[in-house]
Amino acid sequence: MTPADLVLTRAGVRFMGRVLPCAIGKGGLSGNKREGDGATPVGTHRIAGMLYRPDRLSRPAQWAKPIGPRDLWSDDPRHCSYNLQVRAPYGFSHEKLRRADPLYDLVLITDWNWPDAIPGRGSAIFIHQWRRPGYPTEGCVAFSRQDLHWLAARVQIGTRVIVPELAGT
């Protein structure tokens, strides 16, 4: 591990000499992630992309891509676009990326089960804004808006996200 890795600890995520409070999945940590289990997958993942709402904030990094009104994320293991960004109209199960709340105003995409997804192994493991401190996610890692923006200004494609098995979680 290096200071440039995002490393989950019991105190939060350690990155570049700081420890940032975070929230993880309501299902805790899992070495056997499944679609809908609410767990954050254990392992070493990498940042694979960044999305942002251009109507709500300026581009956080040169490589960030805007979220448009029709942008969705497929979470339907029956479809060939499972765990990929898709566009409406889309007749299969999905998440809207352009949400009314601010949770997805800025999203770091991880390479969990991406881009060649195994159906049912879990989709949309993002790093995004939390609802409030300590409020669990559906499997993502979430931060305060301020800390998420601080991270987004410093991570790159390929930055490692290390989620170790933590006893007692």
Protein backbone atom coordinates (compact mmCIF):
# COMPACT_ATOMS: atom_id res chain seq x y z
CA MET A 1 0.00 0.00 0.00
CA THR A 2 1.06 3.56 -0.70
CA PRO A 3 -0.25 6.97 0.45
CA ALA A 4 -1.85 7.29 -3.02
CA ASP A 5 -4.14 4.27 -2.35
CA LEU A 6 -7.58 4.75 -0.86
CA VAL A 7 -7.58 2.23 2.02
CA LEU A 8 -10.67 1.45 4.07
CA THR A 9 -9.99 1.30 7.80
CA ARG A 10 -12.33 1.20 10.81
CA ALA A 11 -11.79 4.96 11.19
CA GLY A 12 -12.56 5.80 7.54
CA VAL A 13 -10.63 5.84 4.29
CA ARG A 14 -6.93 6.66 4.50
CA PHE A 15 -5.62 8.63 1.52
CA MET A 16 -2.65 10.97 1.10
CA GLY A 17 -2.00 11.27 4.82
CA ARG A 18 -5.62 11.95 5.78
CA VAL A 19 -8.37 9.72 7.15
CA LEU A 20 -11.76 10.65 5.73
CA PRO A 21 -14.95 9.49 7.45
CA CYS A 22 -17.05 7.33 5.14
CA ALA A 23 -20.09 5.08 4.95
CA ILE A 24 -20.13 1.58 3.48
CA GLY A 25 -22.85 -0.84 2.46
CA LYS A 26 -25.70 -1.72 4.81
CA GLY A 27 -24.69 -5.37 4.31
CA GLY A 28 -21.19 -4.68 5.67
CA LEU A 29 -18.16 -6.04 3.82
CA SER A 30 -18.32 -9.15 1.68
CA GLY A 31 -15.80 -11.40 0.00
CA ASN A 32 -18.71 -12.93 -1.91
CA LYS A 33 -20.59 -9.90 -3.28
CA ARG A 34 -24.00 -10.55 -4.87
CA GLU A 35 -26.46 -8.22 -6.60
CA GLY A 36 -28.80 -6.65 -4.05
CA ASP A 37 -26.97 -7.81 -0.90
CA GLY A 38 -26.11 -4.23 0.12
CA ALA A 39 -22.50 -5.22 0.82
CA THR A 40 -19.30 -3.42 -0.08
CA PRO A 41 -17.00 -5.87 -1.87
CA VAL A 42 -13.68 -6.77 -0.27
CA GLY A 43 -10.63 -6.57 -2.52
CA THR A 44 -8.40 -4.22 -4.44
CA HIS A 45 -10.39 -2.20 -6.93
CA ARG A 46 -9.38 0.68 -9.18
CA ILE A 47 -10.95 3.97 -10.12
CA ALA A 48 -12.27 3.45 -13.64
CA GLY A 49 -14.10 6.71 -14.30
CA MET A 50 -15.67 9.86 -12.94
CA LEU A 51 -19.12 11.29 -13.63
CA TYR A 52 -20.54 14.65 -12.60
CA ARG A 53 -23.68 16.79 -12.92
CA PRO A 54 -22.68 19.78 -15.09
CA ASP A 55 -25.89 21.60 -14.11
CA ARG A 56 -24.81 21.47 -10.45
CA LEU A 57 -21.02 21.72 -10.43
CA SER A 58 -18.07 22.47 -12.64
CA ARG A 59 -15.97 19.69 -14.13
CA PRO A 60 -13.96 18.25 -11.21
CA ALA A 61 -11.19 16.77 -13.39
CA GLN A 62 -10.30 16.81 -17.09
CA TRP A 63 -11.23 13.13 -17.44
CA ALA A 64 -14.67 13.50 -15.78
CA LYS A 65 -17.70 12.86 -17.99
CA PRO A 66 -21.01 14.73 -17.62
CA ILE A 67 -24.22 12.99 -16.50
CA GLY A 68 -27.09 13.76 -18.83
CA PRO A 69 -30.85 13.48 -18.27
CA ARG A 70 -31.07 10.06 -19.96
CA ASP A 71 -28.02 8.47 -18.29
CA LEU A 72 -28.67 5.28 -16.32
CA TRP A 73 -26.65 2.39 -14.85
CA SER A 74 -27.86 -1.14 -15.61
CA ASP A 75 -28.27 -3.36 -12.55
CA ASP A 76 -30.18 -6.12 -14.34
CA PRO A 77 -28.12 -9.34 -14.51
CA ARG A 78 -30.41 -10.61 -17.32
CA HIS A 79 -29.25 -7.92 -19.73
CA CYS A 80 -26.02 -7.80 -21.75
CA SER A 81 -25.41 -4.24 -20.48
CA TYR A 82 -25.39 -5.36 -16.83
CA ASN A 83 -23.14 -3.11 -14.73
CA LEU A 84 -22.60 -0.63 -17.55
CA GLN A 85 -23.77 2.91 -18.16
CA VAL A 86 -26.82 2.91 -20.46
CA ARG A 87 -29.30 5.49 -21.74
CA ALA A 88 -33.05 5.84 -21.48
CA PRO A 89 -35.25 4.43 -22.75
CA TYR A 90 -34.02 1.20 -21.17
CA GLY A 91 -36.56 -1.49 -20.35
CA PHE A 92 -34.51 -3.38 -17.78
CA SER A 93 -33.71 -2.70 -14.12
CA HIS A 94 -31.43 0.31 -13.67
CA GLU A 95 -30.41 3.24 -11.48
CA LYS A 96 -30.88 6.81 -12.63
CA LEU A 97 -27.56 8.64 -12.58
CA ARG A 98 -29.23 12.04 -12.73
CA ARG A 99 -30.94 11.97 -9.34
CA ALA A 100 -33.10 14.62 -7.66
CA ASP A 101 -30.93 14.39 -4.52
CA PRO A 102 -27.20 15.25 -4.58
CA LEU A 103 -25.84 11.70 -3.98
CA TYR A 104 -24.68 11.26 -7.58
CA ASP A 105 -23.69 14.85 -8.37
CA LEU A 106 -20.13 13.49 -8.39
CA VAL A 107 -19.44 9.77 -8.83
CA LEU A 108 -16.19 7.84 -8.96
CA ILE A 109 -16.73 4.55 -10.77
CA THR A 110 -14.82 1.53 -9.51
CA ASP A 111 -13.87 -1.45 -11.61
CA TRP A 112 -15.79 -3.89 -9.39
CA ASN A 113 -17.28 -6.47 -11.80
CA TRP A 114 -16.61 -4.05 -14.66
CA PRO A 115 -16.41 -3.82 -17.65
CA ASP A 116 -16.90 -7.57 -18.27
CA ALA A 117 -19.52 -8.21 -15.63
CA ILE A 118 -20.40 -11.61 -14.24
CA PRO A 119 -24.21 -11.61 -13.89
CA GLY A 120 -25.31 -11.38 -10.26
CA ARG A 121 -21.88 -10.43 -8.81
CA GLY A 122 -22.98 -6.88 -8.09
CA SER A 123 -23.23 -3.63 -9.98
CA ALA A 124 -22.72 0.10 -9.52
CA ILE A 125 -20.06 0.02 -6.81
CA PHE A 126 -19.38 3.74 -6.78
CA ILE A 127 -17.75 6.30 -4.55
CA HIS A 128 -20.31 9.06 -4.03
CA GLN A 129 -21.74 11.57 -1.57
CA TRP A 130 -23.39 10.22 1.57
CA ARG A 131 -26.92 11.00 2.72
CA ARG A 132 -25.56 11.86 6.16
CA PRO A 133 -22.66 10.68 8.33
CA GLY A 134 -22.78 6.95 8.99
CA TYR A 135 -25.89 6.33 6.86
CA PRO A 136 -25.19 3.07 4.98
CA THR A 137 -25.18 2.69 1.20
CA GLU A 138 -26.35 -0.12 -1.06
CA GLY A 139 -22.71 -1.30 -1.31
CA CYS A 140 -20.88 1.84 -2.37
CA VAL A 141 -18.43 3.90 -0.33
CA ALA A 142 -19.80 7.36 0.48
CA PHE A 143 -18.25 10.56 1.82
CA SER A 144 -19.26 14.07 2.79
CA ARG A 145 -19.57 16.39 -0.19
CA GLN A 146 -16.45 18.30 0.86
CA ASP A 147 -14.33 15.15 1.24
CA LEU A 148 -15.64 13.65 -2.01
CA HIS A 149 -14.64 16.78 -3.93
CA TRP A 150 -11.23 16.76 -2.24
CA LEU A 151 -10.76 13.12 -3.34
CA ALA A 152 -11.96 13.80 -6.89
CA ALA A 153 -9.33 16.52 -7.31
CA ARG A 154 -6.56 14.04 -6.38
CA VAL A 155 -7.44 10.60 -7.72
CA GLN A 156 -6.63 9.36 -11.21
CA ILE A 157 -7.84 6.55 -13.43
CA GLY A 158 -6.27 3.47 -11.88
CA THR A 159 -6.01 4.78 -8.31
CA ARG A 160 -6.36 1.74 -6.07
CA VAL A 161 -9.30 1.38 -3.69
CA ILE A 162 -8.35 -1.22 -1.09
CA VAL A 163 -11.17 -2.76 0.93
CA PRO A 164 -9.65 -5.28 3.35
CA GLU A 165 -11.64 -7.73 5.43
CA LEU A 166 -12.02 -5.97 8.77
CA ALA A 167 -12.86 -8.18 11.74
CA GLY A 168 -16.02 -7.11 13.49
CA THR A 169 -17.68 -5.42 10.50
